[in-house]
Amino acid sequence: MSDNYDDMTVAELKVILKERDLPVSGKKADLIERLSQSTEEVESEPVEEAVEEAVEETVEESSDDDFDSEENWEDEDWDEDADEGHVAKQKPVLSEEMKAALELRSEQKKKTPSFRRTEWFRYKRLSRSGWRAPHGMDSKQRRNYKYRSSLVRVGHGKVAVARGLHPSGFREIMVQKSGDLDSMDPETEAARVGRSVGGRKREQIYSRADELGIRVLNRRRDI
């Protein structure tokens, strides 16, 4: 039976887990292990046929009159994500202008040189530090010699509309406690948990973010 599970996709494994009232969270290896340890056995039909029938039933239920409108379809999709816990695929609501600005910023970033600190190649501690403006009358980098690294200039700036946004389009909000999530807009803002937050409080933040439908950008998999 485990060999059949290995050949199946994650979506198919989740369908079987839902039929058996088992959790659907975790990686593919966790799903297979959870199915293998389950005491329930499907004797009347093979696993593949059970998956096909479950998918057909889902399609038939979704074709009812209650879900004909686009709004009801969106609500149904949201409920399915909420059952699985963390809304990892939450996307920002962006205008066409903002989408174009993000694409343009992404293209510009490919042409932007890497800015390194003066003498970064000579001292290891400088190679780990960020950009610092060069000083000194004889500084080769300040005088823009070709064999030195590039200088930060106004011309390297990106699109002002998309400045400070996460690559996904969310505006990052630093979160230190679960109460910080209450004032956030899940459609345009995403949470980034502070690195000094402990494990117990971090778990509370994750749970509250799932309730509000807020995406956590640096969510840990071990919690």
C-alpha atoms as a PDB file:
ATOM      1  CA  MET A   1       0.000   0.000   0.000  1.00  0.00           C
ATOM      2  CA  SER A   2       2.873   2.395   0.800  1.00  0.00           C
ATOM      3  CA  ASP A   3       4.238   1.929  -2.725  1.00  0.00           C
ATOM      4  CA  ASN A   4       0.950   3.222  -4.117  1.00  0.00           C
ATOM      5  CA  TYR A   5       1.129   6.223  -1.789  1.00  0.00           C
ATOM      6  CA  ASP A   6       4.627   7.088  -3.028  1.00  0.00           C
ATOM      7  CA  ASP A   7       3.365   7.291  -6.611  1.00  0.00           C
ATOM      8  CA  MET A   8       0.472   9.594  -5.696  1.00  0.00           C
ATOM      9  CA  THR A   9       0.542  13.388  -5.558  1.00  0.00           C
ATOM     10  CA  VAL A  10       0.096  15.460  -2.422  1.00  0.00           C
ATOM     11  CA  ALA A  11      -3.384  16.543  -3.530  1.00  0.00           C
ATOM     12  CA  GLU A  12      -4.481  12.919  -3.919  1.00  0.00           C
ATOM     13  CA  LEU A  13      -3.060  12.001  -0.519  1.00  0.00           C
ATOM     14  CA  LYS A  14      -4.968  14.862   1.104  1.00  0.00           C
ATOM     15  CA  VAL A  15      -8.216  13.630  -0.433  1.00  0.00           C
ATOM     16  CA  ILE A  16      -7.744  10.226   1.193  1.00  0.00           C
ATOM     17  CA  LEU A  17      -6.801  11.815   4.522  1.00  0.00           C
ATOM     18  CA  LYS A  18      -9.965  13.943   4.487  1.00  0.00           C
ATOM     19  CA  GLU A  19     -12.051  10.828   3.861  1.00  0.00           C
ATOM     20  CA  ARG A  20     -10.498   9.185   6.917  1.00  0.00           C
ATOM     21  CA  ASP A  21     -10.879  12.345   9.062  1.00  0.00           C
ATOM     22  CA  LEU A  22      -7.112  12.695   9.466  1.00  0.00           C
ATOM     23  CA  PRO A  23      -5.014  15.897   9.475  1.00  0.00           C
ATOM     24  CA  VAL A  24      -3.800  17.043   6.058  1.00  0.00           C
ATOM     25  CA  SER A  25      -0.902  19.244   7.150  1.00  0.00           C
ATOM     26  CA  GLY A  26       2.771  18.446   6.693  1.00  0.00           C
ATOM     27  CA  LYS A  27       5.092  17.272   3.938  1.00  0.00           C
ATOM     28  CA  LYS A  28       4.418  14.373   1.584  1.00  0.00           C
ATOM     29  CA  ALA A  29       6.458  12.002   3.758  1.00  0.00           C
ATOM     30  CA  ASP A  30       4.317  12.929   6.765  1.00  0.00           C
ATOM     31  CA  LEU A  31       1.117  12.307   4.811  1.00  0.00           C
ATOM     32  CA  ILE A  32       2.310   8.866   3.673  1.00  0.00           C
ATOM     33  CA  GLU A  33       3.358   7.924   7.196  1.00  0.00           C
ATOM     34  CA  ARG A  34       0.008   9.091   8.566  1.00  0.00           C
ATOM     35  CA  LEU A  35      -1.860   6.977   6.038  1.00  0.00           C
ATOM     36  CA  SER A  36       0.326   3.944   6.719  1.00  0.00           C
ATOM     37  CA  GLN A  37      -0.315   4.155  10.463  1.00  0.00           C
ATOM     38  CA  SER A  38      -4.050   4.554  10.009  1.00  0.00           C
ATOM     39  CA  THR A  39      -6.024   1.499  11.107  1.00  0.00           C
ATOM     40  CA  GLU A  40      -8.738   2.071   8.520  1.00  0.00           C
ATOM     41  CA  GLU A  41      -8.450   0.048   5.330  1.00  0.00           C
ATOM     42  CA  VAL A  42     -10.327   0.586   2.107  1.00  0.00           C
ATOM     43  CA  GLU A  43     -11.303  -2.982   1.146  1.00  0.00           C
ATOM     44  CA  SER A  44     -14.163  -2.374  -1.252  1.00  0.00           C
ATOM     45  CA  GLU A  45     -12.133  -0.563  -3.912  1.00  0.00           C
ATOM     46  CA  PRO A  46      -8.516   0.336  -4.740  1.00  0.00           C
ATOM     47  CA  VAL A  47      -6.998   3.595  -3.582  1.00  0.00           C
ATOM     48  CA  GLU A  48      -6.976   5.066  -7.087  1.00  0.00           C
ATOM     49  CA  GLU A  49     -10.705   4.457  -7.576  1.00  0.00           C
ATOM     50  CA  ALA A  50     -11.472   5.986  -4.170  1.00  0.00           C
ATOM     51  CA  VAL A  51      -9.578   9.124  -5.131  1.00  0.00           C
ATOM     52  CA  GLU A  52     -11.393   9.400  -8.471  1.00  0.00           C
ATOM     53  CA  GLU A  53     -14.814   8.982  -6.855  1.00  0.00           C
ATOM     54  CA  ALA A  54     -13.954  11.540  -4.164  1.00  0.00           C
ATOM     55  CA  VAL A  55     -12.921  14.040  -6.821  1.00  0.00           C
ATOM     56  CA  GLU A  56     -16.130  13.390  -8.780  1.00  0.00           C
ATOM     57  CA  GLU A  57     -18.231  13.897  -5.650  1.00  0.00           C
ATOM     58  CA  THR A  58     -16.448  17.182  -4.966  1.00  0.00           C
ATOM     59  CA  VAL A  59     -17.163  18.380  -8.520  1.00  0.00           C
ATOM     60  CA  GLU A  60     -20.822  17.357  -8.246  1.00  0.00           C
ATOM     61  CA  GLU A  61     -21.260  19.147  -4.921  1.00  0.00           C
ATOM     62  CA  SER A  62     -19.624  22.301  -6.266  1.00  0.00           C
ATOM     63  CA  SER A  63     -22.048  22.353  -9.217  1.00  0.00           C
ATOM     64  CA  ASP A  64     -25.067  22.995  -6.934  1.00  0.00           C
ATOM     65  CA  ASP A  65     -27.066  26.207  -7.184  1.00  0.00           C
ATOM     66  CA  ASP A  66     -25.590  27.501  -3.932  1.00  0.00           C
ATOM     67  CA  PHE A  67     -22.168  27.998  -5.559  1.00  0.00           C
ATOM     68  CA  ASP A  68     -23.136  29.364  -8.965  1.00  0.00           C
ATOM     69  CA  SER A  69     -21.965  32.911  -8.296  1.00  0.00           C
ATOM     70  CA  GLU A  70     -18.286  33.952  -8.177  1.00  0.00           C
ATOM     71  CA  GLU A  71     -18.592  35.220  -4.611  1.00  0.00           C
ATOM     72  CA  ASN A  72     -19.778  31.840  -3.341  1.00  0.00           C
ATOM     73  CA  TRP A  73     -16.967  30.088  -5.181  1.00  0.00           C
ATOM     74  CA  GLU A  74     -14.421  32.335  -3.447  1.00  0.00           C
ATOM     75  CA  ASP A  75     -16.004  31.607  -0.064  1.00  0.00           C
ATOM     76  CA  GLU A  76     -15.857  27.872  -0.726  1.00  0.00           C
ATOM     77  CA  ASP A  77     -12.168  28.012  -1.650  1.00  0.00           C
ATOM     78  CA  TRP A  78     -11.453  30.028   1.481  1.00  0.00           C
ATOM     79  CA  ASP A  79     -13.150  27.432   3.692  1.00  0.00           C
ATOM     80  CA  GLU A  80     -11.031  24.669   2.219  1.00  0.00           C
ATOM     81  CA  ASP A  81      -7.844  26.602   2.933  1.00  0.00           C
ATOM     82  CA  ALA A  82      -9.004  27.357   6.468  1.00  0.00           C
ATOM     83  CA  ASP A  83      -9.558  23.658   7.163  1.00  0.00           C
ATOM     84  CA  GLU A  84      -5.946  22.952   6.307  1.00  0.00           C
ATOM     85  CA  GLY A  85      -4.660  25.556   8.779  1.00  0.00           C
ATOM     86  CA  HIS A  86      -2.051  28.061   7.632  1.00  0.00           C
ATOM     87  CA  VAL A  87      -3.053  29.956   4.472  1.00  0.00           C
ATOM     88  CA  ALA A  88       0.369  29.551   2.836  1.00  0.00           C
ATOM     89  CA  LYS A  89      -0.911  30.508  -0.618  1.00  0.00           C
ATOM     90  CA  GLN A  90      -2.481  33.788   0.440  1.00  0.00           C
ATOM     91  CA  LYS A  91      -1.864  36.339  -2.320  1.00  0.00           C
ATOM     92  CA  PRO A  92      -2.011  40.130  -2.056  1.00  0.00           C
ATOM     93  CA  VAL A  93      -4.756  42.107  -3.745  1.00  0.00           C
ATOM     94  CA  LEU A  94      -2.852  44.277  -6.222  1.00  0.00           C
ATOM     95  CA  SER A  95      -3.951  46.713  -8.884  1.00  0.00           C
ATOM     96  CA  GLU A  96      -2.752  46.389 -12.467  1.00  0.00           C
ATOM     97  CA  GLU A  97      -0.482  49.384 -11.925  1.00  0.00           C
ATOM     98  CA  MET A  98       1.158  47.753  -8.900  1.00  0.00           C
ATOM     99  CA  LYS A  99       1.637  44.436 -10.730  1.00  0.00           C
ATOM    100  CA  ALA A 100       3.357  46.247 -13.577  1.00  0.00           C
ATOM    101  CA  ALA A 101       5.561  48.135 -11.096  1.00  0.00           C
ATOM    102  CA  LEU A 102       6.628  44.880  -9.386  1.00  0.00           C
ATOM    103  CA  GLU A 103       7.489  43.281 -12.717  1.00  0.00           C
ATOM    104  CA  LEU A 104       9.505  46.327 -13.742  1.00  0.00           C
ATOM    105  CA  ARG A 105      11.341  46.343 -10.412  1.00  0.00           C
ATOM    106  CA  SER A 106      12.168  42.655 -10.841  1.00  0.00           C
ATOM    107  CA  GLU A 107      13.636  43.299 -14.277  1.00  0.00           C
ATOM    108  CA  GLN A 108      15.647  46.267 -13.006  1.00  0.00           C
ATOM    109  CA  LYS A 109      17.044  44.243 -10.123  1.00  0.00           C
ATOM    110  CA  LYS A 110      18.633  41.764 -12.533  1.00  0.00           C
ATOM    111  CA  LYS A 111      20.778  44.576 -13.952  1.00  0.00           C
ATOM    112  CA  THR A 112      21.741  46.098 -10.596  1.00  0.00           C
ATOM    113  CA  PRO A 113      25.355  45.403  -9.541  1.00  0.00           C
ATOM    114  CA  SER A 114      26.251  44.049  -6.131  1.00  0.00           C
ATOM    115  CA  PHE A 115      27.428  46.810  -3.804  1.00  0.00           C
ATOM    116  CA  ARG A 116      30.358  45.748  -1.625  1.00  0.00           C
ATOM    117  CA  ARG A 117      32.218  47.583   1.085  1.00  0.00           C
ATOM    118  CA  THR A 118      35.695  48.972   0.488  1.00  0.00           C
ATOM    119  CA  GLU A 119      38.430  46.304   0.905  1.00  0.00           C
ATOM    120  CA  TRP A 120      35.764  43.610   1.317  1.00  0.00           C
ATOM    121  CA  PHE A 121      38.000  41.115  -0.469  1.00  0.00           C
ATOM    122  CA  ARG A 122      40.910  41.748   1.910  1.00  0.00           C
ATOM    123  CA  TYR A 123      39.240  41.286   5.301  1.00  0.00           C
ATOM    124  CA  LYS A 124      36.722  38.586   6.109  1.00  0.00           C
ATOM    125  CA  ARG A 125      34.812  40.740   8.586  1.00  0.00           C
ATOM    126  CA  LEU A 126      34.217  43.358   5.896  1.00  0.00           C
ATOM    127  CA  SER A 127      32.903  40.781   3.424  1.00  0.00           C
ATOM    128  CA  ARG A 128      30.104  39.944   5.883  1.00  0.00           C
ATOM    129  CA  SER A 129      29.098  43.564   6.457  1.00  0.00           C
ATOM    130  CA  GLY A 130      26.773  45.660   4.351  1.00  0.00           C
ATOM    131  CA  TRP A 131      27.419  48.637   2.146  1.00  0.00           C
ATOM    132  CA  ARG A 132      29.371  51.594   3.534  1.00  0.00           C
ATOM    133  CA  ALA A 133      30.129  54.755   1.619  1.00  0.00           C
ATOM    134  CA  PRO A 134      33.870  55.040   0.887  1.00  0.00           C
ATOM    135  CA  HIS A 135      35.801  57.941   2.436  1.00  0.00           C
ATOM    136  CA  GLY A 136      39.260  59.336   2.021  1.00  0.00           C
ATOM    137  CA  MET A 137      40.903  61.509  -0.592  1.00  0.00           C
ATOM    138  CA  ASP A 138      42.796  58.589  -2.155  1.00  0.00           C
ATOM    139  CA  SER A 139      40.024  56.001  -1.995  1.00  0.00           C
ATOM    140  CA  LYS A 140      39.992  54.119  -5.297  1.00  0.00           C
ATOM    141  CA  GLN A 141      36.378  53.121  -4.860  1.00  0.00           C
ATOM    142  CA  ARG A 142      35.289  56.688  -4.115  1.00  0.00           C
ATOM    143  CA  ARG A 143      37.149  57.875  -7.221  1.00  0.00           C
ATOM    144  CA  ASN A 144      35.278  55.170  -9.169  1.00  0.00           C
ATOM    145  CA  TYR A 145      38.238  53.234 -10.534  1.00  0.00           C
ATOM    146  CA  LYS A 146      37.068  50.473 -12.840  1.00  0.00           C
ATOM    147  CA  TYR A 147      38.750  47.646 -10.944  1.00  0.00           C
ATOM    148  CA  ARG A 148      36.805  48.563  -7.765  1.00  0.00           C
ATOM    149  CA  SER A 149      33.205  47.622  -7.003  1.00  0.00           C
ATOM    150  CA  SER A 150      30.283  49.850  -7.956  1.00  0.00           C
ATOM    151  CA  LEU A 151      29.047  52.796  -5.940  1.00  0.00           C
ATOM    152  CA  VAL A 152      25.509  53.295  -4.701  1.00  0.00           C
ATOM    153  CA  ARG A 153      23.992  56.011  -6.851  1.00  0.00           C
ATOM    154  CA  VAL A 154      20.615  57.604  -7.401  1.00  0.00           C
ATOM    155  CA  GLY A 155      20.367  55.953 -10.810  1.00  0.00           C
ATOM    156  CA  HIS A 156      20.230  52.483  -9.211  1.00  0.00           C
ATOM    157  CA  GLY A 157      16.931  53.264  -7.483  1.00  0.00           C
ATOM    158  CA  LYS A 158      13.893  51.143  -8.314  1.00  0.00           C
ATOM    159  CA  VAL A 159      10.255  51.998  -9.014  1.00  0.00           C
ATOM    160  CA  ALA A 160       9.035  54.336  -6.279  1.00  0.00           C
ATOM    161  CA  VAL A 161       5.532  52.846  -6.218  1.00  0.00           C
ATOM    162  CA  ALA A 162       6.845  49.380  -5.308  1.00  0.00           C
ATOM    163  CA  ARG A 163       9.615  50.558  -2.987  1.00  0.00           C
ATOM    164  CA  GLY A 164       9.797  48.618   0.265  1.00  0.00           C
ATOM    165  CA  LEU A 165       7.391  45.875  -0.816  1.00  0.00           C
ATOM    166  CA  HIS A 166       8.054  42.156  -0.492  1.00  0.00           C
ATOM    167  CA  PRO A 167       8.648  40.408  -3.861  1.00  0.00           C
ATOM    168  CA  SER A 168       5.176  38.876  -3.531  1.00  0.00           C
ATOM    169  CA  GLY A 169       3.637  42.359  -3.329  1.00  0.00           C
ATOM    170  CA  PHE A 170       2.854  42.388   0.386  1.00  0.00           C
ATOM    171  CA  ARG A 171       3.902  45.211   2.674  1.00  0.00           C
ATOM    172  CA  GLU A 172       5.855  43.649   5.542  1.00  0.00           C
ATOM    173  CA  ILE A 173       4.763  44.343   9.116  1.00  0.00           C
ATOM    174  CA  MET A 174       7.064  43.379  11.973  1.00  0.00           C
ATOM    175  CA  VAL A 175       5.135  41.398  14.590  1.00  0.00           C
ATOM    176  CA  GLN A 176       6.249  40.806  18.182  1.00  0.00           C
ATOM    177  CA  LYS A 177       2.982  39.522  19.656  1.00  0.00           C
ATOM    178  CA  SER A 178      -0.351  38.166  18.462  1.00  0.00           C
ATOM    179  CA  GLY A 179      -2.108  41.472  19.221  1.00  0.00           C
ATOM    180  CA  ASP A 180      -0.096  43.194  16.484  1.00  0.00           C
ATOM    181  CA  LEU A 181      -2.025  41.192  13.876  1.00  0.00           C
ATOM    182  CA  ASP A 182      -5.411  42.702  14.726  1.00  0.00           C
ATOM    183  CA  SER A 183      -4.687  46.006  12.976  1.00  0.00           C
ATOM    184  CA  MET A 184      -3.285  44.411   9.794  1.00  0.00           C
ATOM    185  CA  ASP A 185      -4.994  44.187   6.422  1.00  0.00           C
ATOM    186  CA  PRO A 186      -4.643  40.593   5.119  1.00  0.00           C
ATOM    187  CA  GLU A 187      -5.151  41.723   1.534  1.00  0.00           C
ATOM    188  CA  THR A 188      -2.166  44.061   1.366  1.00  0.00           C
ATOM    189  CA  GLU A 189       0.016  43.327   4.421  1.00  0.00           C
ATOM    190  CA  ALA A 190       1.960  40.272   5.554  1.00  0.00           C
ATOM    191  CA  ALA A 191       3.521  39.546   8.940  1.00  0.00           C
ATOM    192  CA  ARG A 192       7.188  38.980   9.675  1.00  0.00           C
ATOM    193  CA  VAL A 193       7.805  37.614  13.167  1.00  0.00           C
ATOM    194  CA  GLY A 194      10.722  39.173  15.035  1.00  0.00           C
ATOM    195  CA  ARG A 195      13.720  36.903  15.500  1.00  0.00           C
ATOM    196  CA  SER A 196      13.752  37.458  19.270  1.00  0.00           C
ATOM    197  CA  VAL A 197      10.218  36.047  19.687  1.00  0.00           C
ATOM    198  CA  GLY A 198      10.155  32.764  21.640  1.00  0.00           C
ATOM    199  CA  GLY A 199       8.668  29.501  20.486  1.00  0.00           C
ATOM    200  CA  ARG A 200       5.503  29.642  22.601  1.00  0.00           C
ATOM    201  CA  LYS A 201       4.611  33.199  21.591  1.00  0.00           C
ATOM    202  CA  ARG A 202       5.527  32.430  17.994  1.00  0.00           C
ATOM    203  CA  GLU A 203       3.037  29.558  17.969  1.00  0.00           C
ATOM    204  CA  GLN A 204       0.343  31.915  19.278  1.00  0.00           C
ATOM    205  CA  ILE A 205       1.129  34.355  16.472  1.00  0.00           C
ATOM    206  CA  TYR A 206       0.827  31.584  13.877  1.00  0.00           C
ATOM    207  CA  SER A 207      -2.515  30.467  15.275  1.00  0.00           C
ATOM    208  CA  ARG A 208      -3.906  34.017  15.304  1.00  0.00           C
ATOM    209  CA  ALA A 209      -2.598  34.659  11.782  1.00  0.00           C
ATOM    210  CA  ASP A 210      -4.438  31.552  10.550  1.00  0.00           C
ATOM    211  CA  GLU A 211      -7.677  32.831  12.064  1.00  0.00           C
ATOM    212  CA  LEU A 212      -7.328  36.242  10.398  1.00  0.00           C
ATOM    213  CA  GLY A 213      -6.053  34.861   7.087  1.00  0.00           C
ATOM    214  CA  ILE A 214      -2.747  36.746   7.344  1.00  0.00           C
ATOM    215  CA  ARG A 215       0.329  35.372   5.652  1.00  0.00           C
ATOM    216  CA  VAL A 216       3.491  34.906   7.742  1.00  0.00           C
ATOM    217  CA  LEU A 217       6.536  35.411   5.556  1.00  0.00           C
ATOM    218  CA  ASN A 218       9.102  33.729   7.835  1.00  0.00           C
ATOM    219  CA  ARG A 219       6.983  30.931   9.256  1.00  0.00           C
ATOM    220  CA  ARG A 220       8.993  28.032  10.664  1.00  0.00           C
ATOM    221  CA  ARG A 221       8.089  24.513   9.592  1.00  0.00           C
ATOM    222  CA  ASP A 222       8.920  22.954  12.956  1.00  0.00           C
ATOM    223  CA  ILE A 223       6.067  24.832  14.710  1.00  0.00           C
END
